[in-house]
Amino acid sequence: MNRTIRQARSLQTQFRAVAADGEKYIEGYFAVFGSNYELWPGASESIDPHAFDGALSDDIRGLIDHKTWLVLGRNKAGTLELKVDERGLWGQIKINQSDVDAMNLYARVERGDVDQCSFGFDILEEETEWRDDGSIHWTIKKVKLYEVSCVTFPAYEDTSIAARKNDYDQIKNRQIQVWRESMKVRLKKWH
């Protein structure tokens, strides 16, 4: 897989707006373990419970719709808290009440208009499984996490799908090439 293309995965989740001690927060799961994300018919992936091991100490941002200029929080600044539990990657973003974009998003989450999230990452390690039914499944084993986002639509980004599809096509092409080479060897033996 081309590891230079940053990946993003999105899901609908129970994201919520919380107010406590005069502060406002948005919190929920950015990734869920054991869930199969369908990339396209016959291709899926899941996230291993250890995929984020060692990744949460990096400098990670909380964004709106993956937009780098719409920063909601940052773990380095103490305004983004991330942790892994048995369910997945949970996060809480402390909303800057002086930031109009952050407050607008908070209002949308509170009203239920926005309840999806996503995370942006590079795949450092993965496992590929070709299943008997002809489908393929990837298990993401280790990531470098760059950001988590509150998103409007819970869908895979086109670049992520294209990267996976390219990976799939390369694997299939290698399998065909191996088959052709074995057939050439067999034909030579018969002549």
C-alpha atoms as a PDB file:
ATOM      1  CA  MET A   1       0.000   0.000   0.000  1.00  0.00           C
ATOM      2  CA  ASN A   2       1.189   3.509  -0.748  1.00  0.00           C
ATOM      3  CA  ARG A   3       1.951   4.771   2.738  1.00  0.00           C
ATOM      4  CA  THR A   4       2.454   8.348   1.532  1.00  0.00           C
ATOM      5  CA  ILE A   5      -1.298   8.823   1.157  1.00  0.00           C
ATOM      6  CA  ARG A   6      -2.764   9.780   4.514  1.00  0.00           C
ATOM      7  CA  GLN A   7      -5.749   7.638   5.388  1.00  0.00           C
ATOM      8  CA  ALA A   8      -9.005   8.693   7.032  1.00  0.00           C
ATOM      9  CA  ARG A   9     -11.819   6.570   8.386  1.00  0.00           C
ATOM     10  CA  SER A  10     -15.211   7.841   9.474  1.00  0.00           C
ATOM     11  CA  LEU A  11     -18.121   6.421  11.372  1.00  0.00           C
ATOM     12  CA  GLN A  12     -21.407   7.387  12.856  1.00  0.00           C
ATOM     13  CA  THR A  13     -21.127   7.278  16.617  1.00  0.00           C
ATOM     14  CA  GLN A  14     -22.637   8.574  19.804  1.00  0.00           C
ATOM     15  CA  PHE A  15     -20.832  11.900  19.785  1.00  0.00           C
ATOM     16  CA  ARG A  16     -22.232  14.368  22.249  1.00  0.00           C
ATOM     17  CA  ALA A  17     -21.920  17.885  23.568  1.00  0.00           C
ATOM     18  CA  VAL A  18     -21.256  18.139  27.305  1.00  0.00           C
ATOM     19  CA  ALA A  19     -21.187  21.162  29.613  1.00  0.00           C
ATOM     20  CA  ALA A  20     -19.504  20.902  33.019  1.00  0.00           C
ATOM     21  CA  ASP A  21     -17.931  23.421  35.421  1.00  0.00           C
ATOM     22  CA  GLY A  22     -18.455  26.301  32.991  1.00  0.00           C
ATOM     23  CA  GLU A  23     -16.614  24.455  30.184  1.00  0.00           C
ATOM     24  CA  LYS A  24     -18.004  22.879  27.023  1.00  0.00           C
ATOM     25  CA  TYR A  25     -16.789  19.596  25.546  1.00  0.00           C
ATOM     26  CA  ILE A  26     -17.451  17.379  22.568  1.00  0.00           C
ATOM     27  CA  GLU A  27     -16.760  13.741  23.272  1.00  0.00           C
ATOM     28  CA  GLY A  28     -17.193  10.330  21.757  1.00  0.00           C
ATOM     29  CA  TYR A  29     -15.447   7.482  19.943  1.00  0.00           C
ATOM     30  CA  PHE A  30     -13.287   8.314  16.945  1.00  0.00           C
ATOM     31  CA  ALA A  31     -12.620   4.627  16.198  1.00  0.00           C
ATOM     32  CA  VAL A  32     -14.309   1.404  17.285  1.00  0.00           C
ATOM     33  CA  PHE A  33     -12.484  -1.910  17.475  1.00  0.00           C
ATOM     34  CA  GLY A  34     -13.878  -5.038  15.881  1.00  0.00           C
ATOM     35  CA  SER A  35     -16.242  -3.210  13.521  1.00  0.00           C
ATOM     36  CA  ASN A  36     -15.924  -3.995   9.844  1.00  0.00           C
ATOM     37  CA  TYR A  37     -15.723  -0.894   7.667  1.00  0.00           C
ATOM     38  CA  GLU A  38     -16.842  -1.732   4.119  1.00  0.00           C
ATOM     39  CA  LEU A  39     -14.567  -0.060   1.585  1.00  0.00           C
ATOM     40  CA  TRP A  40     -16.417  -1.415  -1.448  1.00  0.00           C
ATOM     41  CA  PRO A  41     -18.349  -4.656  -2.023  1.00  0.00           C
ATOM     42  CA  GLY A  42     -16.010  -7.527  -1.209  1.00  0.00           C
ATOM     43  CA  ALA A  43     -13.410  -5.383   0.572  1.00  0.00           C
ATOM     44  CA  SER A  44     -13.429  -4.449   4.235  1.00  0.00           C
ATOM     45  CA  GLU A  45     -11.138  -3.544   7.076  1.00  0.00           C
ATOM     46  CA  SER A  46     -11.141  -3.405  10.843  1.00  0.00           C
ATOM     47  CA  ILE A  47      -8.986  -1.832  13.515  1.00  0.00           C
ATOM     48  CA  ASP A  48      -6.992  -3.997  15.894  1.00  0.00           C
ATOM     49  CA  PRO A  49      -7.354  -3.099  19.600  1.00  0.00           C
ATOM     50  CA  HIS A  50      -3.598  -2.402  19.719  1.00  0.00           C
ATOM     51  CA  ALA A  51      -3.483  -0.187  16.605  1.00  0.00           C
ATOM     52  CA  PHE A  52      -3.139   2.988  18.677  1.00  0.00           C
ATOM     53  CA  ASP A  53      -0.518   1.629  21.091  1.00  0.00           C
ATOM     54  CA  GLY A  54       2.221   4.267  21.306  1.00  0.00           C
ATOM     55  CA  ALA A  55       0.370   6.643  18.953  1.00  0.00           C
ATOM     56  CA  LEU A  56      -1.409   8.828  21.501  1.00  0.00           C
ATOM     57  CA  SER A  57       1.748  10.521  22.783  1.00  0.00           C
ATOM     58  CA  ASP A  58       2.300  12.166  19.376  1.00  0.00           C
ATOM     59  CA  ASP A  59       1.167  15.746  18.688  1.00  0.00           C
ATOM     60  CA  ILE A  60      -2.462  15.181  17.626  1.00  0.00           C
ATOM     61  CA  ARG A  61      -5.099  17.750  16.664  1.00  0.00           C
ATOM     62  CA  GLY A  62      -8.869  17.749  16.938  1.00  0.00           C
ATOM     63  CA  LEU A  63     -10.307  19.237  13.730  1.00  0.00           C
ATOM     64  CA  ILE A  64     -13.575  20.035  11.996  1.00  0.00           C
ATOM     65  CA  ASP A  65     -14.046  17.989   8.789  1.00  0.00           C
ATOM     66  CA  HIS A  66     -10.264  17.299   8.557  1.00  0.00           C
ATOM     67  CA  LYS A  67      -9.651  21.011   7.862  1.00  0.00           C
ATOM     68  CA  THR A  68      -6.247  21.931   9.275  1.00  0.00           C
ATOM     69  CA  TRP A  69      -7.294  25.570   9.717  1.00  0.00           C
ATOM     70  CA  LEU A  70     -10.285  24.577  11.894  1.00  0.00           C
ATOM     71  CA  VAL A  71      -8.483  23.335  14.995  1.00  0.00           C
ATOM     72  CA  LEU A  72     -10.753  22.506  17.934  1.00  0.00           C
ATOM     73  CA  GLY A  73      -8.102  21.158  20.269  1.00  0.00           C
ATOM     74  CA  ARG A  74      -4.665  19.638  20.570  1.00  0.00           C
ATOM     75  CA  ASN A  75      -3.358  17.033  22.973  1.00  0.00           C
ATOM     76  CA  LYS A  76      -0.064  18.950  23.366  1.00  0.00           C
ATOM     77  CA  ALA A  77      -2.074  21.990  24.565  1.00  0.00           C
ATOM     78  CA  GLY A  78      -4.226  19.890  26.913  1.00  0.00           C
ATOM     79  CA  THR A  79      -7.412  20.735  24.998  1.00  0.00           C
ATOM     80  CA  LEU A  80      -7.753  17.274  23.408  1.00  0.00           C
ATOM     81  CA  GLU A  81      -7.836  14.145  25.533  1.00  0.00           C
ATOM     82  CA  LEU A  82      -7.541  10.748  23.839  1.00  0.00           C
ATOM     83  CA  LYS A  83      -7.560   7.301  25.384  1.00  0.00           C
ATOM     84  CA  VAL A  84      -8.084   3.723  24.322  1.00  0.00           C
ATOM     85  CA  ASP A  85     -10.483   1.414  26.108  1.00  0.00           C
ATOM     86  CA  GLU A  86     -11.974  -1.977  25.227  1.00  0.00           C
ATOM     87  CA  ARG A  87     -14.420  -0.356  22.784  1.00  0.00           C
ATOM     88  CA  GLY A  88     -12.070   1.896  20.827  1.00  0.00           C
ATOM     89  CA  LEU A  89     -10.387   5.292  20.622  1.00  0.00           C
ATOM     90  CA  TRP A  90     -12.316   7.729  22.809  1.00  0.00           C
ATOM     91  CA  GLY A  91     -11.738  11.467  22.772  1.00  0.00           C
ATOM     92  CA  GLN A  92     -12.855  14.635  24.463  1.00  0.00           C
ATOM     93  CA  ILE A  93     -12.260  18.096  23.001  1.00  0.00           C
ATOM     94  CA  LYS A  94     -12.443  21.137  25.273  1.00  0.00           C
ATOM     95  CA  ILE A  95     -14.248  23.806  23.279  1.00  0.00           C
ATOM     96  CA  ASN A  96     -12.739  27.287  23.080  1.00  0.00           C
ATOM     97  CA  GLN A  97     -15.799  29.405  23.827  1.00  0.00           C
ATOM     98  CA  SER A  98     -14.127  32.431  22.199  1.00  0.00           C
ATOM     99  CA  ASP A  99     -13.859  30.554  18.884  1.00  0.00           C
ATOM    100  CA  VAL A 100     -16.960  31.053  16.706  1.00  0.00           C
ATOM    101  CA  ASP A 101     -16.265  27.921  14.599  1.00  0.00           C
ATOM    102  CA  ALA A 102     -15.889  25.776  17.720  1.00  0.00           C
ATOM    103  CA  MET A 103     -19.062  27.152  19.292  1.00  0.00           C
ATOM    104  CA  ASN A 104     -20.992  26.662  16.043  1.00  0.00           C
ATOM    105  CA  LEU A 105     -19.878  23.039  15.920  1.00  0.00           C
ATOM    106  CA  TYR A 106     -20.741  22.568  19.593  1.00  0.00           C
ATOM    107  CA  ALA A 107     -24.278  23.842  18.880  1.00  0.00           C
ATOM    108  CA  ARG A 108     -24.605  21.475  15.910  1.00  0.00           C
ATOM    109  CA  VAL A 109     -23.478  18.493  17.999  1.00  0.00           C
ATOM    110  CA  GLU A 110     -25.759  19.504  20.870  1.00  0.00           C
ATOM    111  CA  ARG A 111     -28.719  19.693  18.472  1.00  0.00           C
ATOM    112  CA  GLY A 112     -27.832  16.352  16.879  1.00  0.00           C
ATOM    113  CA  ASP A 113     -27.045  17.789  13.432  1.00  0.00           C
ATOM    114  CA  VAL A 114     -23.450  16.529  13.597  1.00  0.00           C
ATOM    115  CA  ASP A 115     -22.801  13.185  15.276  1.00  0.00           C
ATOM    116  CA  GLN A 116     -20.066  11.609  13.180  1.00  0.00           C
ATOM    117  CA  CYS A 117     -16.343  11.475  13.652  1.00  0.00           C
ATOM    118  CA  SER A 118     -13.233  10.443  11.815  1.00  0.00           C
ATOM    119  CA  PHE A 119      -9.498  10.051  12.306  1.00  0.00           C
ATOM    120  CA  GLY A 120      -6.546  10.785  10.018  1.00  0.00           C
ATOM    121  CA  PHE A 121      -3.550   8.446  10.112  1.00  0.00           C
ATOM    122  CA  ASP A 122      -0.828   6.545   8.318  1.00  0.00           C
ATOM    123  CA  ILE A 123      -0.869   2.751   8.369  1.00  0.00           C
ATOM    124  CA  LEU A 124       2.382   1.449   9.860  1.00  0.00           C
ATOM    125  CA  GLU A 125       1.399  -2.212  10.029  1.00  0.00           C
ATOM    126  CA  GLU A 126      -1.521  -4.223   8.693  1.00  0.00           C
ATOM    127  CA  GLU A 127      -2.609  -7.767   7.977  1.00  0.00           C
ATOM    128  CA  THR A 128      -4.288  -8.862   4.734  1.00  0.00           C
ATOM    129  CA  GLU A 129      -6.725 -11.781   4.631  1.00  0.00           C
ATOM    130  CA  TRP A 130      -8.023 -13.289   1.393  1.00  0.00           C
ATOM    131  CA  ARG A 131     -11.250 -15.044   2.292  1.00  0.00           C
ATOM    132  CA  ASP A 132     -12.739 -18.180   0.753  1.00  0.00           C
ATOM    133  CA  ASP A 133     -15.672 -16.203  -0.671  1.00  0.00           C
ATOM    134  CA  GLY A 134     -13.261 -14.096  -2.768  1.00  0.00           C
ATOM    135  CA  SER A 135     -13.434 -11.048  -0.524  1.00  0.00           C
ATOM    136  CA  ILE A 136     -10.469  -9.320   1.068  1.00  0.00           C
ATOM    137  CA  HIS A 137     -10.142  -7.968   4.594  1.00  0.00           C
ATOM    138  CA  TRP A 138      -7.445  -5.766   6.052  1.00  0.00           C
ATOM    139  CA  THR A 139      -6.797  -5.493   9.779  1.00  0.00           C
ATOM    140  CA  ILE A 140      -5.025  -2.274  10.709  1.00  0.00           C
ATOM    141  CA  LYS A 141      -2.489  -3.306  13.355  1.00  0.00           C
ATOM    142  CA  LYS A 142      -0.505  -0.098  13.987  1.00  0.00           C
ATOM    143  CA  VAL A 143      -1.007   3.541  13.009  1.00  0.00           C
ATOM    144  CA  LYS A 144       0.581   6.946  13.239  1.00  0.00           C
ATOM    145  CA  LEU A 145      -2.284   9.203  14.316  1.00  0.00           C
ATOM    146  CA  TYR A 146      -2.329  12.814  13.108  1.00  0.00           C
ATOM    147  CA  GLU A 147      -5.812  14.047  13.866  1.00  0.00           C
ATOM    148  CA  VAL A 148      -9.329  13.280  14.928  1.00  0.00           C
ATOM    149  CA  SER A 149     -12.250  15.159  13.393  1.00  0.00           C
ATOM    150  CA  CYS A 150     -15.896  15.909  13.925  1.00  0.00           C
ATOM    151  CA  VAL A 151     -17.316  15.391  10.426  1.00  0.00           C
ATOM    152  CA  THR A 152     -20.503  16.148   8.551  1.00  0.00           C
ATOM    153  CA  PHE A 153     -20.617  12.901   6.542  1.00  0.00           C
ATOM    154  CA  PRO A 154     -19.461   9.480   7.816  1.00  0.00           C
ATOM    155  CA  ALA A 155     -17.746   8.243   4.681  1.00  0.00           C
ATOM    156  CA  TYR A 156     -14.319   7.139   3.625  1.00  0.00           C
ATOM    157  CA  GLU A 157     -12.416   9.838   1.833  1.00  0.00           C
ATOM    158  CA  ASP A 158     -11.892   9.231  -1.880  1.00  0.00           C
ATOM    159  CA  THR A 159      -8.101   9.214  -1.466  1.00  0.00           C
ATOM    160  CA  SER A 160      -8.358   6.455   1.119  1.00  0.00           C
ATOM    161  CA  ILE A 161     -10.555   4.329  -1.130  1.00  0.00           C
ATOM    162  CA  ALA A 162      -8.244   4.952  -4.069  1.00  0.00           C
ATOM    163  CA  ALA A 163      -5.225   3.932  -2.011  1.00  0.00           C
ATOM    164  CA  ARG A 164      -6.874   0.704  -0.866  1.00  0.00           C
ATOM    165  CA  LYS A 165      -8.174  -0.069  -4.362  1.00  0.00           C
ATOM    166  CA  ASN A 166      -4.687   0.476  -5.793  1.00  0.00           C
ATOM    167  CA  ASP A 167      -3.248  -1.868  -3.156  1.00  0.00           C
ATOM    168  CA  TYR A 168      -5.884  -4.483  -4.015  1.00  0.00           C
ATOM    169  CA  ASP A 169      -5.192  -4.144  -7.762  1.00  0.00           C
ATOM    170  CA  GLN A 170      -1.439  -4.551  -7.204  1.00  0.00           C
ATOM    171  CA  ILE A 171      -1.975  -7.730  -5.175  1.00  0.00           C
ATOM    172  CA  LYS A 172      -4.300  -9.165  -7.837  1.00  0.00           C
ATOM    173  CA  ASN A 173      -1.795  -8.308 -10.594  1.00  0.00           C
ATOM    174  CA  ARG A 174       1.001 -10.056  -8.663  1.00  0.00           C
ATOM    175  CA  GLN A 175      -1.210 -13.143  -8.240  1.00  0.00           C
ATOM    176  CA  ILE A 176      -1.939 -13.205 -11.976  1.00  0.00           C
ATOM    177  CA  GLN A 177       1.773 -12.821 -12.774  1.00  0.00           C
ATOM    178  CA  VAL A 178       2.672 -15.721 -10.456  1.00  0.00           C
ATOM    179  CA  TRP A 179      -0.013 -17.865 -12.094  1.00  0.00           C
ATOM    180  CA  ARG A 180       1.284 -16.981 -15.602  1.00  0.00           C
ATOM    181  CA  GLU A 181       4.863 -17.854 -14.627  1.00  0.00           C
ATOM    182  CA  SER A 182       3.766 -21.208 -13.199  1.00  0.00           C
ATOM    183  CA  MET A 183       1.824 -21.953 -16.402  1.00  0.00           C
ATOM    184  CA  LYS A 184       4.909 -21.141 -18.507  1.00  0.00           C
ATOM    185  CA  VAL A 185       6.951 -23.579 -16.446  1.00  0.00           C
ATOM    186  CA  ARG A 186       4.291 -26.278 -16.862  1.00  0.00           C
ATOM    187  CA  LEU A 187       4.079 -25.700 -20.612  1.00  0.00           C
ATOM    188  CA  LYS A 188       7.869 -25.954 -20.974  1.00  0.00           C
ATOM    189  CA  LYS A 189       7.789 -29.320 -19.185  1.00  0.00           C
ATOM    190  CA  TRP A 190       5.209 -30.636 -21.685  1.00  0.00           C
ATOM    191  CA  HIS A 191       7.181 -29.599 -24.759  1.00  0.00           C
END
